[in-house]
C-alpha atoms as a PDB file:
ATOM      1  CA  MET A   1     101.808 163.488  -8.305  1.00  0.00           C
ATOM      2  CA  THR A   2     101.375 166.370  -5.977  1.00  0.00           C
ATOM      3  CA  VAL A   3      98.173 168.287  -4.635  1.00  0.00           C
ATOM      4  CA  ALA A   4      98.637 172.094  -4.520  1.00  0.00           C
ATOM      5  CA  PHE A   5      96.703 173.990  -1.870  1.00  0.00           C
ATOM      6  CA  SER A   6      96.072 177.759  -1.830  1.00  0.00           C
ATOM      7  CA  ARG A   7      97.729 179.731   1.045  1.00  0.00           C
ATOM      8  CA  GLU A   8      94.316 180.642   2.371  1.00  0.00           C
ATOM      9  CA  LEU A   9      93.001 177.053   2.566  1.00  0.00           C
ATOM     10  CA  ALA A  10      96.528 175.872   3.940  1.00  0.00           C
ATOM     11  CA  SER A  11      96.509 178.351   6.618  1.00  0.00           C
ATOM     12  CA  THR A  12      92.775 178.075   7.456  1.00  0.00           C
ATOM     13  CA  ALA A  13      93.220 174.263   8.021  1.00  0.00           C
ATOM     14  CA  PHE A  14      96.311 174.924  10.155  1.00  0.00           C
ATOM     15  CA  PHE A  15      94.477 177.498  12.265  1.00  0.00           C
ATOM     16  CA  LEU A  16      91.493 175.516  12.809  1.00  0.00           C
ATOM     17  CA  LYS A  17      93.402 172.502  13.733  1.00  0.00           C
ATOM     18  CA  ASN A  18      95.607 174.082  16.097  1.00  0.00           C
ATOM     19  CA  PHE A  19      93.644 176.672  17.698  1.00  0.00           C
ATOM     20  CA  ALA A  20      89.855 175.816  17.133  1.00  0.00           C
ATOM     21  CA  ALA A  21      89.658 172.341  17.556  1.00  0.00           C
ATOM     22  CA  PRO A  22      87.520 170.710  20.398  1.00  0.00           C
ATOM     23  CA  ALA A  23      89.733 169.918  23.278  1.00  0.00           C
ATOM     24  CA  ARG A  24      90.100 166.242  23.905  1.00  0.00           C
ATOM     25  CA  GLN A  25      89.511 166.286  27.509  1.00  0.00           C
ATOM     26  CA  LYS A  26      87.098 168.690  29.172  1.00  0.00           C
ATOM     27  CA  ASP A  27      89.484 170.149  31.579  1.00  0.00           C
ATOM     28  CA  SER A  28      91.874 171.322  29.043  1.00  0.00           C
ATOM     29  CA  ILE A  29      89.282 173.927  27.267  1.00  0.00           C
ATOM     30  CA  ARG A  30      91.670 176.596  25.749  1.00  0.00           C
ATOM     31  CA  GLY A  31      89.191 179.543  25.434  1.00  0.00           C
ATOM     32  CA  TYR A  32      86.323 180.492  23.231  1.00  0.00           C
ATOM     33  CA  LEU A  33      87.730 179.642  19.807  1.00  0.00           C
ATOM     34  CA  GLU A  34      86.333 176.170  20.013  1.00  0.00           C
ATOM     35  CA  ILE A  35      83.059 177.644  19.267  1.00  0.00           C
ATOM     36  CA  LEU A  36      84.402 178.949  15.895  1.00  0.00           C
ATOM     37  CA  LEU A  37      84.613 175.468  14.149  1.00  0.00           C
ATOM     38  CA  PRO A  38      80.830 174.562  14.337  1.00  0.00           C
ATOM     39  CA  ILE A  39      79.996 178.150  13.252  1.00  0.00           C
ATOM     40  CA  TYR A  40      82.850 177.830  10.371  1.00  0.00           C
ATOM     41  CA  GLN A  41      81.486 174.485   9.246  1.00  0.00           C
ATOM     42  CA  ASN A  42      77.724 175.839   9.111  1.00  0.00           C
ATOM     43  CA  ALA A  43      78.513 179.156   7.404  1.00  0.00           C
ATOM     44  CA  PRO A  44      78.506 179.577   3.565  1.00  0.00           C
ATOM     45  CA  ALA A  45      81.802 179.715   1.722  1.00  0.00           C
ATOM     46  CA  ASP A  46      81.630 183.381   1.070  1.00  0.00           C
ATOM     47  CA  SER A  47      80.321 184.367   4.443  1.00  0.00           C
ATOM     48  CA  LEU A  48      82.203 187.046   6.612  1.00  0.00           C
ATOM     49  CA  VAL A  49      82.901 184.064   9.155  1.00  0.00           C
ATOM     50  CA  HIS A  50      84.918 182.381   6.193  1.00  0.00           C
ATOM     51  CA  GLN A  51      86.565 185.927   5.206  1.00  0.00           C
ATOM     52  CA  ALA A  52      87.561 186.846   9.019  1.00  0.00           C
ATOM     53  CA  THR A  53      88.775 183.371   9.719  1.00  0.00           C
ATOM     54  CA  SER A  54      91.028 183.140   6.638  1.00  0.00           C
ATOM     55  CA  ALA A  55      92.598 186.543   7.418  1.00  0.00           C
ATOM     56  CA  VAL A  56      93.330 185.522  11.189  1.00  0.00           C
ATOM     57  CA  ALA A  57      94.628 182.265  10.095  1.00  0.00           C
ATOM     58  CA  LEU A  58      96.779 183.664   7.358  1.00  0.00           C
ATOM     59  CA  ALA A  59      98.054 186.270  10.141  1.00  0.00           C
ATOM     60  CA  SER A  60      98.748 183.576  12.533  1.00  0.00           C
ATOM     61  CA  LEU A  61     100.707 181.541   9.946  1.00  0.00           C
ATOM     62  CA  SER A  62     102.875 184.565   8.861  1.00  0.00           C
ATOM     63  CA  ASN A  63     103.648 185.235  12.641  1.00  0.00           C
ATOM     64  CA  GLY A  64     104.834 181.682  12.915  1.00  0.00           C
ATOM     65  CA  PHE A  65     106.842 181.994   9.653  1.00  0.00           C
ATOM     66  CA  ARG A  66     107.851 185.423  10.077  1.00  0.00           C
ATOM     67  CA  THR A  67     107.029 186.149   6.264  1.00  0.00           C
ATOM     68  CA  ARG A  68     106.330 189.513   5.068  1.00  0.00           C
ATOM     69  CA  MET A  69     104.480 188.114   2.100  1.00  0.00           C
ATOM     70  CA  LEU A  70     101.879 186.285   4.292  1.00  0.00           C
ATOM     71  CA  ARG A  71     101.410 189.002   6.673  1.00  0.00           C
ATOM     72  CA  MET A  72     100.806 191.725   3.779  1.00  0.00           C
ATOM     73  CA  GLU A  73      98.079 189.056   2.234  1.00  0.00           C
ATOM     74  CA  ALA A  74      96.594 188.768   5.638  1.00  0.00           C
ATOM     75  CA  GLN A  75      96.175 192.562   5.810  1.00  0.00           C
ATOM     76  CA  LYS A  76      94.370 192.587   2.686  1.00  0.00           C
ATOM     77  CA  LEU A  77      92.037 189.881   3.542  1.00  0.00           C
ATOM     78  CA  TYR A  78      91.352 191.451   6.892  1.00  0.00           C
ATOM     79  CA  GLY A  79      90.521 194.673   5.038  1.00  0.00           C
ATOM     80  CA  ARG A  80      88.303 193.190   2.667  1.00  0.00           C
ATOM     81  CA  ALA A  81      86.394 191.259   5.551  1.00  0.00           C
ATOM     82  CA  LEU A  82      86.283 194.741   7.456  1.00  0.00           C
ATOM     83  CA  ARG A  83      84.670 196.484   4.324  1.00  0.00           C
ATOM     84  CA  ALA A  84      82.150 193.730   3.908  1.00  0.00           C
ATOM     85  CA  VAL A  85      81.068 194.301   7.484  1.00  0.00           C
ATOM     86  CA  GLY A  86      80.416 197.723   6.721  1.00  0.00           C
ATOM     87  CA  ASN A  87      78.116 197.281   3.793  1.00  0.00           C
END
C-alpha cells in the first residue's frame, strides 16, 4: 500500500521542517523564518500565508532538484498569491 502526497503538500512539509522549524539550541537560531511555523499553523488553509508558503516551498524544492516543471508550478502558485494580495 502506498500513500500519495501532492507536490504542494510534500514541498511545504520539506520547507517547514528544513527552514522554518525552531532551532534545538538557543544559539543556533537561523533567522526570522522560525516565526513562520506558528503563523502557518494558526492560519486557515486557504490563507495568503499558506499560498505564499506553498509557492516558496515549491520553488526551494525545484531549486534543489533543478526541475523546470516544479519551478513553473511554483511561479503559478506565487502569481496566484500575489493576485490574492492585490484583491
